[in-house]
Amino acid sequence: FFGPELLVVPGGTDPAQRPAQPAIIEADIFLNANFESDALVNG
């Protein structure tokens, strides 16, 4: 999107020229790991 972190483009700039700002995802993560014979991780 054309977000607030972007430098201001010159007036009259065509949208086709403009760079955009990426949207960000926040989340939680949980992993279980077994280090015995199975030696697996998932989450």
PDB file of all heavy atoms in Angstrom:
ATOM      1  N   PHE A   1       0.847  -1.185   0.000  1.00  0.00           N
ATOM      2  CA  PHE A   1       0.000   0.000   0.000  1.00  0.00           C
ATOM      3  C   PHE A   1       0.886   1.239   0.000  1.00  0.00           C
ATOM      4  O   PHE A   1       2.085   1.165   0.296  1.00  0.00           O
ATOM      5  CB  PHE A   1      -0.952  -0.004   1.194  1.00  0.00           C
ATOM      6  CG  PHE A   1      -0.262   0.016   2.538  1.00  0.00           C
ATOM      7  CD1 PHE A   1      -0.245   1.172   3.293  1.00  0.00           C
ATOM      8  CD2 PHE A   1       0.346  -1.117   3.053  1.00  0.00           C
ATOM      9  CE1 PHE A   1       0.388   1.207   4.531  1.00  0.00           C
ATOM     10  CE2 PHE A   1       0.970  -1.105   4.288  1.00  0.00           C
ATOM     11  CZ  PHE A   1       0.999   0.065   5.034  1.00  0.00           C
ATOM     12  N   PHE A   2       0.319   2.402  -0.315  1.00  0.00           N
ATOM     13  CA  PHE A   2       1.052   3.667  -0.273  1.00  0.00           C
ATOM     14  C   PHE A   2       1.030   4.169   1.169  1.00  0.00           C
ATOM     15  O   PHE A   2       0.215   5.006   1.543  1.00  0.00           O
ATOM     16  CB  PHE A   2       0.429   4.687  -1.224  1.00  0.00           C
ATOM     17  CG  PHE A   2       0.524   4.315  -2.678  1.00  0.00           C
ATOM     18  CD1 PHE A   2      -0.406   4.789  -3.594  1.00  0.00           C
ATOM     19  CD2 PHE A   2       1.533   3.488  -3.148  1.00  0.00           C
ATOM     20  CE1 PHE A   2      -0.323   4.449  -4.936  1.00  0.00           C
ATOM     21  CE2 PHE A   2       1.624   3.140  -4.476  1.00  0.00           C
ATOM     22  CZ  PHE A   2       0.694   3.619  -5.379  1.00  0.00           C
ATOM     23  N   GLY A   3       1.930   3.637   1.984  1.00  0.00           N
ATOM     24  CA  GLY A   3       1.889   3.867   3.419  1.00  0.00           C
ATOM     25  C   GLY A   3       2.673   5.080   3.880  1.00  0.00           C
ATOM     26  O   GLY A   3       3.385   5.731   3.113  1.00  0.00           O
ATOM     27  N   PRO A   4       2.579   5.386   5.169  1.00  0.00           N
ATOM     28  CA  PRO A   4       3.170   6.609   5.727  1.00  0.00           C
ATOM     29  C   PRO A   4       4.685   6.597   5.827  1.00  0.00           C
ATOM     30  O   PRO A   4       5.285   7.648   6.060  1.00  0.00           O
ATOM     31  CB  PRO A   4       2.521   6.700   7.117  1.00  0.00           C
ATOM     32  CG  PRO A   4       2.185   5.293   7.465  1.00  0.00           C
ATOM     33  CD  PRO A   4       1.797   4.640   6.173  1.00  0.00           C
ATOM     34  N   GLU A   5       5.333   5.434   5.692  1.00  0.00           N
ATOM     35  CA  GLU A   5       6.791   5.375   5.787  1.00  0.00           C
ATOM     36  C   GLU A   5       7.487   5.765   4.483  1.00  0.00           C
ATOM     37  O   GLU A   5       8.710   5.945   4.454  1.00  0.00           O
ATOM     38  CB  GLU A   5       7.235   3.969   6.203  1.00  0.00           C
ATOM     39  CG  GLU A   5       6.797   3.563   7.584  1.00  0.00           C
ATOM     40  CD  GLU A   5       7.378   4.454   8.659  1.00  0.00           C
ATOM     41  OE1 GLU A   5       8.576   4.771   8.587  1.00  0.00           O
ATOM     42  OE2 GLU A   5       6.624   4.863   9.565  1.00  0.00           O
ATOM     43  N   LEU A   6       6.747   5.881   3.400  1.00  0.00           N
ATOM     44  CA  LEU A   6       7.342   6.175   2.101  1.00  0.00           C
ATOM     45  C   LEU A   6       7.759   7.639   1.994  1.00  0.00           C
ATOM     46  O   LEU A   6       7.093   8.528   2.538  1.00  0.00           O
ATOM     47  CB  LEU A   6       6.340   5.866   0.992  1.00  0.00           C
ATOM     48  CG  LEU A   6       5.847   4.415   0.898  1.00  0.00           C
ATOM     49  CD1 LEU A   6       4.731   4.314  -0.124  1.00  0.00           C
ATOM     50  CD2 LEU A   6       6.995   3.478   0.542  1.00  0.00           C
ATOM     51  N   LEU A   7       8.855   7.886   1.279  1.00  0.00           N
ATOM     52  CA  LEU A   7       9.227   9.253   0.947  1.00  0.00           C
ATOM     53  C   LEU A   7       8.164   9.853   0.030  1.00  0.00           C
ATOM     54  O   LEU A   7       7.550   9.151  -0.780  1.00  0.00           O
ATOM     55  CB  LEU A   7      10.591   9.276   0.258  1.00  0.00           C
ATOM     56  CG  LEU A   7      11.780   8.793   1.105  1.00  0.00           C
ATOM     57  CD1 LEU A   7      13.050   8.766   0.255  1.00  0.00           C
ATOM     58  CD2 LEU A   7      11.969   9.657   2.339  1.00  0.00           C
ATOM     59  N   VAL A   8       7.940  11.148   0.137  1.00  0.00           N
ATOM     60  CA  VAL A   8       6.891  11.824  -0.617  1.00  0.00           C
ATOM     61  C   VAL A   8       7.314  11.950  -2.085  1.00  0.00           C
ATOM     62  O   VAL A   8       8.408  12.437  -2.395  1.00  0.00           O
ATOM     63  CB  VAL A   8       6.613  13.218  -0.029  1.00  0.00           C
ATOM     64  CG1 VAL A   8       5.553  13.945  -0.861  1.00  0.00           C
ATOM     65  CG2 VAL A   8       6.148  13.096   1.420  1.00  0.00           C
ATOM     66  N   VAL A   9       6.450  11.487  -2.979  1.00  0.00           N
ATOM     67  CA  VAL A   9       6.756  11.548  -4.405  1.00  0.00           C
ATOM     68  C   VAL A   9       6.424  12.930  -4.951  1.00  0.00           C
ATOM     69  O   VAL A   9       5.591  13.651  -4.381  1.00  0.00           O
ATOM     70  CB  VAL A   9       5.982  10.468  -5.196  1.00  0.00           C
ATOM     71  CG1 VAL A   9       6.351   9.079  -4.715  1.00  0.00           C
ATOM     72  CG2 VAL A   9       4.483  10.690  -5.088  1.00  0.00           C
ATOM     73  N   PRO A  10       7.070  13.330  -6.043  1.00  0.00           N
ATOM     74  CA  PRO A  10       6.741  14.637  -6.642  1.00  0.00           C
ATOM     75  C   PRO A  10       5.277  14.700  -7.058  1.00  0.00           C
ATOM     76  O   PRO A  10       4.666  13.687  -7.429  1.00  0.00           O
ATOM     77  CB  PRO A  10       7.667  14.684  -7.858  1.00  0.00           C
ATOM     78  CG  PRO A  10       8.785  13.742  -7.558  1.00  0.00           C
ATOM     79  CD  PRO A  10       8.167  12.645  -6.746  1.00  0.00           C
ATOM     80  N   GLY A  11       4.710  15.893  -7.006  1.00  0.00           N
ATOM     81  CA  GLY A  11       3.324  16.071  -7.424  1.00  0.00           C
ATOM     82  C   GLY A  11       3.110  15.641  -8.858  1.00  0.00           C
ATOM     83  O   GLY A  11       3.958  15.871  -9.726  1.00  0.00           O
ATOM     84  N   GLY A  12       1.988  14.996  -9.099  1.00  0.00           N
ATOM     85  CA  GLY A  12       1.659  14.543 -10.438  1.00  0.00           C
ATOM     86  C   GLY A  12       2.268  13.213 -10.832  1.00  0.00           C
ATOM     87  O   GLY A  12       2.081  12.766 -11.972  1.00  0.00           O
ATOM     88  N   THR A  13       2.987  12.557  -9.895  1.00  0.00           N
ATOM     89  CA  THR A  13       3.580  11.252 -10.206  1.00  0.00           C
ATOM     90  C   THR A  13       2.486  10.238 -10.498  1.00  0.00           C
ATOM     91  O   THR A  13       1.532  10.089  -9.733  1.00  0.00           O
ATOM     92  CB  THR A  13       4.438  10.755  -9.031  1.00  0.00           C
ATOM     93  OG1 THR A  13       5.495  11.687  -8.807  1.00  0.00           O
ATOM     94  CG2 THR A  13       5.019   9.381  -9.322  1.00  0.00           C
ATOM     95  N   ASP A  14       2.629   9.522 -11.587  1.00  0.00           N
ATOM     96  CA  ASP A  14       1.666   8.491 -11.941  1.00  0.00           C
ATOM     97  C   ASP A  14       1.791   7.323 -10.966  1.00  0.00           C
ATOM     98  O   ASP A  14       2.907   6.911 -10.632  1.00  0.00           O
ATOM     99  CB  ASP A  14       1.929   7.996 -13.366  1.00  0.00           C
ATOM    100  CG  ASP A  14       0.792   7.131 -13.884  1.00  0.00           C
ATOM    101  OD1 ASP A  14       0.649   5.990 -13.383  1.00  0.00           O
ATOM    102  OD2 ASP A  14       0.069   7.576 -14.788  1.00  0.00           O
ATOM    103  N   PRO A  15       0.671   6.760 -10.484  1.00  0.00           N
ATOM    104  CA  PRO A  15       0.751   5.612  -9.567  1.00  0.00           C
ATOM    105  C   PRO A  15       1.555   4.441 -10.119  1.00  0.00           C
ATOM    106  O   PRO A  15       2.113   3.656  -9.342  1.00  0.00           O
ATOM    107  CB  PRO A  15      -0.714   5.232  -9.368  1.00  0.00           C
ATOM    108  CG  PRO A  15      -1.468   6.499  -9.584  1.00  0.00           C
ATOM    109  CD  PRO A  15      -0.712   7.231 -10.666  1.00  0.00           C
ATOM    110  N   ALA A  16       1.644   4.307 -11.431  1.00  0.00           N
ATOM    111  CA  ALA A  16       2.411   3.207 -12.015  1.00  0.00           C
ATOM    112  C   ALA A  16       3.894   3.306 -11.688  1.00  0.00           C
ATOM    113  O   ALA A  16       4.612   2.307 -11.725  1.00  0.00           O
ATOM    114  CB  ALA A  16       2.219   3.179 -13.529  1.00  0.00           C
ATOM    115  N   GLN A  17       4.374   4.502 -11.362  1.00  0.00           N
ATOM    116  CA  GLN A  17       5.785   4.699 -11.032  1.00  0.00           C
ATOM    117  C   GLN A  17       6.075   4.465  -9.556  1.00  0.00           C
ATOM    118  O   GLN A  17       7.228   4.252  -9.182  1.00  0.00           O
ATOM    119  CB  GLN A  17       6.212   6.136 -11.362  1.00  0.00           C
ATOM    120  CG  GLN A  17       6.142   6.532 -12.811  1.00  0.00           C
ATOM    121  CD  GLN A  17       6.478   7.997 -12.962  1.00  0.00           C
ATOM    122  OE1 GLN A  17       5.600   8.832 -13.109  1.00  0.00           O
ATOM    123  NE2 GLN A  17       7.762   8.315 -12.892  1.00  0.00           N
ATOM    124  N   ARG A  18       5.071   4.542  -8.712  1.00  0.00           N
ATOM    125  CA  ARG A  18       5.290   4.640  -7.270  1.00  0.00           C
ATOM    126  C   ARG A  18       5.662   3.313  -6.629  1.00  0.00           C
ATOM    127  O   ARG A  18       5.068   2.274  -6.937  1.00  0.00           O
ATOM    128  CB  ARG A  18       4.042   5.191  -6.585  1.00  0.00           C
ATOM    129  CG  ARG A  18       3.691   6.605  -6.965  1.00  0.00           C
ATOM    130  CD  ARG A  18       2.441   7.074  -6.249  1.00  0.00           C
ATOM    131  NE  ARG A  18       2.624   7.111  -4.794  1.00  0.00           N
ATOM    132  CZ  ARG A  18       1.683   7.505  -3.937  1.00  0.00           C
ATOM    133  NH1 ARG A  18       0.488   7.880  -4.398  1.00  0.00           N
ATOM    134  NH2 ARG A  18       1.924   7.527  -2.649  1.00  0.00           N
ATOM    135  N   PRO A  19       6.636   3.332  -5.719  1.00  0.00           N
ATOM    136  CA  PRO A  19       6.871   2.150  -4.879  1.00  0.00           C
ATOM    137  C   PRO A  19       5.824   2.090  -3.779  1.00  0.00           C
ATOM    138  O   PRO A  19       5.117   3.065  -3.526  1.00  0.00           O
ATOM    139  CB  PRO A  19       8.261   2.415  -4.302  1.00  0.00           C
ATOM    140  CG  PRO A  19       8.330   3.907  -4.201  1.00  0.00           C
ATOM    141  CD  PRO A  19       7.543   4.439  -5.395  1.00  0.00           C
ATOM    142  N   ALA A  20       5.731   0.952  -3.118  1.00  0.00           N
ATOM    143  CA  ALA A  20       4.740   0.771  -2.059  1.00  0.00           C
ATOM    144  C   ALA A  20       5.410   0.253  -0.791  1.00  0.00           C
ATOM    145  O   ALA A  20       6.592  -0.092  -0.778  1.00  0.00           O
ATOM    146  CB  ALA A  20       3.641  -0.187  -2.514  1.00  0.00           C
ATOM    147  N   GLN A  21       4.630   0.211   0.267  1.00  0.00           N
ATOM    148  CA  GLN A  21       5.078  -0.250   1.585  1.00  0.00           C
ATOM    149  C   GLN A  21       4.460  -1.611   1.870  1.00  0.00           C
ATOM    150  O   GLN A  21       3.264  -1.809   1.636  1.00  0.00           O
ATOM    151  CB  GLN A  21       4.654   0.763   2.650  1.00  0.00           C
ATOM    152  CG  GLN A  21       5.055   0.413   4.070  1.00  0.00           C
ATOM    153  CD  GLN A  21       4.648   1.507   5.049  1.00  0.00           C
ATOM    154  OE1 GLN A  21       4.537   2.683   4.682  1.00  0.00           O
ATOM    155  NE2 GLN A  21       4.416   1.127   6.299  1.00  0.00           N
ATOM    156  N   PRO A  22       5.243  -2.583   2.383  1.00  0.00           N
ATOM    157  CA  PRO A  22       4.688  -3.917   2.621  1.00  0.00           C
ATOM    158  C   PRO A  22       3.874  -3.987   3.916  1.00  0.00           C
ATOM    159  O   PRO A  22       4.231  -3.368   4.917  1.00  0.00           O
ATOM    160  CB  PRO A  22       5.930  -4.797   2.727  1.00  0.00           C
ATOM    161  CG  PRO A  22       6.985  -3.884   3.274  1.00  0.00           C
ATOM    162  CD  PRO A  22       6.685  -2.523   2.670  1.00  0.00           C
ATOM    163  N   ALA A  23       2.798  -4.726   3.904  1.00  0.00           N
ATOM    164  CA  ALA A  23       2.032  -5.001   5.118  1.00  0.00           C
ATOM    165  C   ALA A  23       2.740  -6.074   5.934  1.00  0.00           C
ATOM    166  O   ALA A  23       3.366  -6.985   5.393  1.00  0.00           O
ATOM    167  CB  ALA A  23       0.622  -5.444   4.772  1.00  0.00           C
ATOM    168  N   ILE A  24       2.621  -5.957   7.256  1.00  0.00           N
ATOM    169  CA  ILE A  24       3.353  -6.807   8.202  1.00  0.00           C
ATOM    170  C   ILE A  24       2.363  -7.629   9.020  1.00  0.00           C
ATOM    171  O   ILE A  24       1.288  -7.149   9.386  1.00  0.00           O
ATOM    172  CB  ILE A  24       4.216  -5.934   9.127  1.00  0.00           C
ATOM    173  CG1 ILE A  24       5.286  -5.197   8.302  1.00  0.00           C
ATOM    174  CG2 ILE A  24       4.870  -6.765  10.230  1.00  0.00           C
ATOM    175  CD1 ILE A  24       6.031  -4.129   9.077  1.00  0.00           C
ATOM    176  N   ILE A  25       2.737  -8.863   9.319  1.00  0.00           N
ATOM    177  CA  ILE A  25       1.935  -9.754  10.151  1.00  0.00           C
ATOM    178  C   ILE A  25       2.624  -9.964  11.497  1.00  0.00           C
ATOM    179  O   ILE A  25       3.812 -10.292  11.544  1.00  0.00           O
ATOM    180  CB  ILE A  25       1.720 -11.109   9.466  1.00  0.00           C
ATOM    181  CG1 ILE A  25       0.811 -10.938   8.243  1.00  0.00           C
ATOM    182  CG2 ILE A  25       1.125 -12.139  10.435  1.00  0.00           C
ATOM    183  CD1 ILE A  25       0.659 -12.189   7.415  1.00  0.00           C
ATOM    184  N   GLU A  26       1.890  -9.750  12.575  1.00  0.00           N
ATOM    185  CA  GLU A  26       2.320 -10.140  13.918  1.00  0.00           C
ATOM    186  C   GLU A  26       1.648 -11.456  14.271  1.00  0.00           C
ATOM    187  O   GLU A  26       0.483 -11.682  13.917  1.00  0.00           O
ATOM    188  CB  GLU A  26       1.908  -9.099  14.960  1.00  0.00           C
ATOM    189  CG  GLU A  26       2.625  -7.786  14.883  1.00  0.00           C
ATOM    190  CD  GLU A  26       2.178  -6.833  15.993  1.00  0.00           C
ATOM    191  OE1 GLU A  26       1.382  -7.261  16.865  1.00  0.00           O
ATOM    192  OE2 GLU A  26       2.615  -5.675  15.985  1.00  0.00           O
ATOM    193  N   ALA A  27       2.364 -12.310  15.014  1.00  0.00           N
ATOM    194  CA  ALA A  27       1.771 -13.591  15.415  1.00  0.00           C
ATOM    195  C   ALA A  27       2.579 -14.177  16.562  1.00  0.00           C
ATOM    196  O   ALA A  27       3.643 -13.674  16.943  1.00  0.00           O
ATOM    197  CB  ALA A  27       1.735 -14.558  14.235  1.00  0.00           C
ATOM    198  N   ASP A  28       2.066 -15.271  17.106  1.00  0.00           N
ATOM    199  CA  ASP A  28       2.783 -16.104  18.064  1.00  0.00           C
ATOM    200  C   ASP A  28       3.154 -17.422  17.394  1.00  0.00           C
ATOM    201  O   ASP A  28       2.487 -17.859  16.441  1.00  0.00           O
ATOM    202  CB  ASP A  28       1.908 -16.395  19.291  1.00  0.00           C
ATOM    203  CG  ASP A  28       1.568 -15.145  20.069  1.00  0.00           C
ATOM    204  OD1 ASP A  28       2.491 -14.349  20.344  1.00  0.00           O
ATOM    205  OD2 ASP A  28       0.381 -14.941  20.394  1.00  0.00           O
ATOM    206  N   ILE A  29       4.201 -18.064  17.904  1.00  0.00           N
ATOM    207  CA  ILE A  29       4.644 -19.343  17.355  1.00  0.00           C
ATOM    208  C   ILE A  29       5.028 -20.270  18.497  1.00  0.00           C
ATOM    209  O   ILE A  29       5.562 -19.827  19.530  1.00  0.00           O
ATOM    210  CB  ILE A  29       5.821 -19.148  16.373  1.00  0.00           C
ATOM    211  CG1 ILE A  29       6.258 -20.474  15.765  1.00  0.00           C
ATOM    212  CG2 ILE A  29       6.976 -18.412  17.027  1.00  0.00           C
ATOM    213  CD1 ILE A  29       7.245 -20.333  14.621  1.00  0.00           C
ATOM    214  N   PHE A  30       4.726 -21.543  18.341  1.00  0.00           N
ATOM    215  CA  PHE A  30       5.047 -22.558  19.347  1.00  0.00           C
ATOM    216  C   PHE A  30       5.551 -23.803  18.629  1.00  0.00           C
ATOM    217  O   PHE A  30       4.908 -24.283  17.680  1.00  0.00           O
ATOM    218  CB  PHE A  30       3.806 -22.895  20.181  1.00  0.00           C
ATOM    219  CG  PHE A  30       4.068 -23.843  21.307  1.00  0.00           C
ATOM    220  CD1 PHE A  30       4.665 -23.413  22.483  1.00  0.00           C
ATOM    221  CD2 PHE A  30       3.728 -25.185  21.188  1.00  0.00           C
ATOM    222  CE1 PHE A  30       4.912 -24.304  23.527  1.00  0.00           C
ATOM    223  CE2 PHE A  30       3.965 -26.080  22.217  1.00  0.00           C
ATOM    224  CZ  PHE A  30       4.559 -25.638  23.396  1.00  0.00           C
ATOM    225  N   LEU A  31       6.703 -24.303  19.060  1.00  0.00           N
ATOM    226  CA  LEU A  31       7.303 -25.502  18.476  1.00  0.00           C
ATOM    227  C   LEU A  31       7.509 -26.560  19.539  1.00  0.00           C
ATOM    228  O   LEU A  31       7.906 -26.241  20.676  1.00  0.00           O
ATOM    229  CB  LEU A  31       8.671 -25.190  17.848  1.00  0.00           C
ATOM    230  CG  LEU A  31       8.764 -24.107  16.784  1.00  0.00           C
ATOM    231  CD1 LEU A  31      10.212 -23.941  16.345  1.00  0.00           C
ATOM    232  CD2 LEU A  31       7.878 -24.437  15.596  1.00  0.00           C
ATOM    233  N   ASN A  32       7.293 -27.817  19.184  1.00  0.00           N
ATOM    234  CA  ASN A  32       7.714 -28.960  19.980  1.00  0.00           C
ATOM    235  C   ASN A  32       8.824 -29.687  19.236  1.00  0.00           C
ATOM    236  O   ASN A  32       8.726 -29.897  18.016  1.00  0.00           O
ATOM    237  CB  ASN A  32       6.559 -29.938  20.225  1.00  0.00           C
ATOM    238  CG  ASN A  32       5.662 -29.506  21.365  1.00  0.00           C
ATOM    239  OD1 ASN A  32       6.110 -28.827  22.297  1.00  0.00           O
ATOM    240  ND2 ASN A  32       4.394 -29.874  21.310  1.00  0.00           N
ATOM    241  N   ALA A  33       9.870 -30.060  19.958  1.00  0.00           N
ATOM    242  CA  ALA A  33      10.990 -30.782  19.354  1.00  0.00           C
ATOM    243  C   ALA A  33      11.330 -31.986  20.204  1.00  0.00           C
ATOM    244  O   ALA A  33      11.386 -31.897  21.439  1.00  0.00           O
ATOM    245  CB  ALA A  33      12.209 -29.880  19.226  1.00  0.00           C
ATOM    246  N   ASN A  34      11.547 -33.128  19.550  1.00  0.00           N
ATOM    247  CA  ASN A  34      11.968 -34.355  20.216  1.00  0.00           C
ATOM    248  C   ASN A  34      13.355 -34.713  19.717  1.00  0.00           C
ATOM    249  O   ASN A  34      13.563 -34.891  18.519  1.00  0.00           O
ATOM    250  CB  ASN A  34      10.982 -35.486  19.925  1.00  0.00           C
ATOM    251  CG  ASN A  34      11.263 -36.713  20.771  1.00  0.00           C
ATOM    252  OD1 ASN A  34      12.360 -37.242  20.755  1.00  0.00           O
ATOM    253  ND2 ASN A  34      10.262 -37.155  21.517  1.00  0.00           N
ATOM    254  N   PHE A  35      14.316 -34.807  20.629  1.00  0.00           N
ATOM    255  CA  PHE A  35      15.706 -35.045  20.251  1.00  0.00           C
ATOM    256  C   PHE A  35      16.137 -36.492  20.468  1.00  0.00           C
ATOM    257  O   PHE A  35      17.322 -36.803  20.390  1.00  0.00           O
ATOM    258  CB  PHE A  35      16.620 -34.102  21.031  1.00  0.00           C
ATOM    259  CG  PHE A  35      16.430 -32.658  20.661  1.00  0.00           C
ATOM    260  CD1 PHE A  35      15.593 -31.844  21.403  1.00  0.00           C
ATOM    261  CD2 PHE A  35      17.073 -32.121  19.560  1.00  0.00           C
ATOM    262  CE1 PHE A  35      15.409 -30.506  21.061  1.00  0.00           C
ATOM    263  CE2 PHE A  35      16.893 -30.788  19.209  1.00  0.00           C
ATOM    264  CZ  PHE A  35      16.057 -29.988  19.960  1.00  0.00           C
ATOM    265  N   GLU A  36      15.168 -37.380  20.726  1.00  0.00           N
ATOM    266  CA  GLU A  36      15.501 -38.798  20.859  1.00  0.00           C
ATOM    267  C   GLU A  36      15.524 -39.436  19.471  1.00  0.00           C
ATOM    268  O   GLU A  36      15.821 -38.774  18.487  1.00  0.00           O
ATOM    269  CB  GLU A  36      14.498 -39.470  21.793  1.00  0.00           C
ATOM    270  CG  GLU A  36      14.475 -38.876  23.197  1.00  0.00           C
ATOM    271  CD  GLU A  36      15.815 -39.001  23.915  1.00  0.00           C
ATOM    272  OE1 GLU A  36      16.586 -39.946  23.618  1.00  0.00           O
ATOM    273  OE2 GLU A  36      16.111 -38.134  24.764  1.00  0.00           O
ATOM    274  N   SER A  37      15.166 -40.717  19.381  1.00  0.00           N
ATOM    275  CA  SER A  37      15.302 -41.428  18.112  1.00  0.00           C
ATOM    276  C   SER A  37      14.445 -40.818  17.005  1.00  0.00           C
ATOM    277  O   SER A  37      14.806 -40.862  15.828  1.00  0.00           O
ATOM    278  CB  SER A  37      14.940 -42.900  18.293  1.00  0.00           C
ATOM    279  OG  SER A  37      13.621 -43.031  18.807  1.00  0.00           O
ATOM    280  N   ASP A  38      13.286 -40.223  17.376  1.00  0.00           N
ATOM    281  CA  ASP A  38      12.428 -39.606  16.366  1.00  0.00           C
ATOM    282  C   ASP A  38      13.078 -38.369  15.749  1.00  0.00           C
ATOM    283  O   ASP A  38      12.956 -38.128  14.552  1.00  0.00           O
ATOM    284  CB  ASP A  38      11.077 -39.209  16.966  1.00  0.00           C
ATOM    285  CG  ASP A  38      10.228 -40.404  17.306  1.00  0.00           C
ATOM    286  OD1 ASP A  38      10.488 -41.479  16.751  1.00  0.00           O
ATOM    287  OD2 ASP A  38       9.313 -40.258  18.131  1.00  0.00           O
ATOM    288  N   ALA A  39      13.748 -37.553  16.584  1.00  0.00           N
ATOM    289  CA  ALA A  39      14.440 -36.340  16.142  1.00  0.00           C
ATOM    290  C   ALA A  39      13.566 -35.504  15.212  1.00  0.00           C
ATOM    291  O   ALA A  39      13.900 -35.248  14.064  1.00  0.00           O
ATOM    292  CB  ALA A  39      15.766 -36.686  15.462  1.00  0.00           C
ATOM    293  N   LEU A  40      12.407 -35.088  15.715  1.00  0.00           N
ATOM    294  CA  LEU A  40      11.450 -34.328  14.917  1.00  0.00           C
ATOM    295  C   LEU A  40      11.123 -32.998  15.585  1.00  0.00           C
ATOM    296  O   LEU A  40      11.160 -32.874  16.808  1.00  0.00           O
ATOM    297  CB  LEU A  40      10.156 -35.113  14.737  1.00  0.00           C
ATOM    298  CG  LEU A  40      10.170 -36.355  13.856  1.00  0.00           C
ATOM    299  CD1 LEU A  40       8.807 -37.043  13.905  1.00  0.00           C
ATOM    300  CD2 LEU A  40      10.532 -35.984  12.423  1.00  0.00           C
ATOM    301  N   VAL A  41      10.751 -32.007  14.757  1.00  0.00           N
ATOM    302  CA  VAL A  41      10.222 -30.733  15.233  1.00  0.00           C
ATOM    303  C   VAL A  41       8.971 -30.407  14.426  1.00  0.00           C
ATOM    304  O   VAL A  41       8.902 -30.692  13.223  1.00  0.00           O
ATOM    305  CB  VAL A  41      11.268 -29.599  15.113  1.00  0.00           C
ATOM    306  CG1 VAL A  41      11.735 -29.409  13.688  1.00  0.00           C
ATOM    307  CG2 VAL A  41      10.728 -28.294  15.684  1.00  0.00           C
ATOM    308  N   ASN A  42       7.964 -29.867  15.089  1.00  0.00           N
ATOM    309  CA  ASN A  42       6.770 -29.359  14.403  1.00  0.00           C
ATOM    310  C   ASN A  42       6.148 -28.273  15.257  1.00  0.00           C
ATOM    311  O   ASN A  42       6.605 -28.006  16.363  1.00  0.00           O
ATOM    312  CB  ASN A  42       5.769 -30.472  14.073  1.00  0.00           C
ATOM    313  CG  ASN A  42       5.313 -31.248  15.292  1.00  0.00           C
ATOM    314  OD1 ASN A  42       5.534 -30.847  16.429  1.00  0.00           O
ATOM    315  ND2 ASN A  42       4.671 -32.374  15.067  1.00  0.00           N
ATOM    316  N   GLY A  43       5.116 -27.601  14.736  1.00  0.00           N
ATOM    317  CA  GLY A  43       4.535 -26.522  15.520  1.00  0.00           C
ATOM    318  C   GLY A  43       3.452 -25.768  14.787  1.00  0.00           C
ATOM    319  O   GLY A  43       2.905 -26.227  13.777  1.00  0.00           O
TER     320      GLY A  43
END
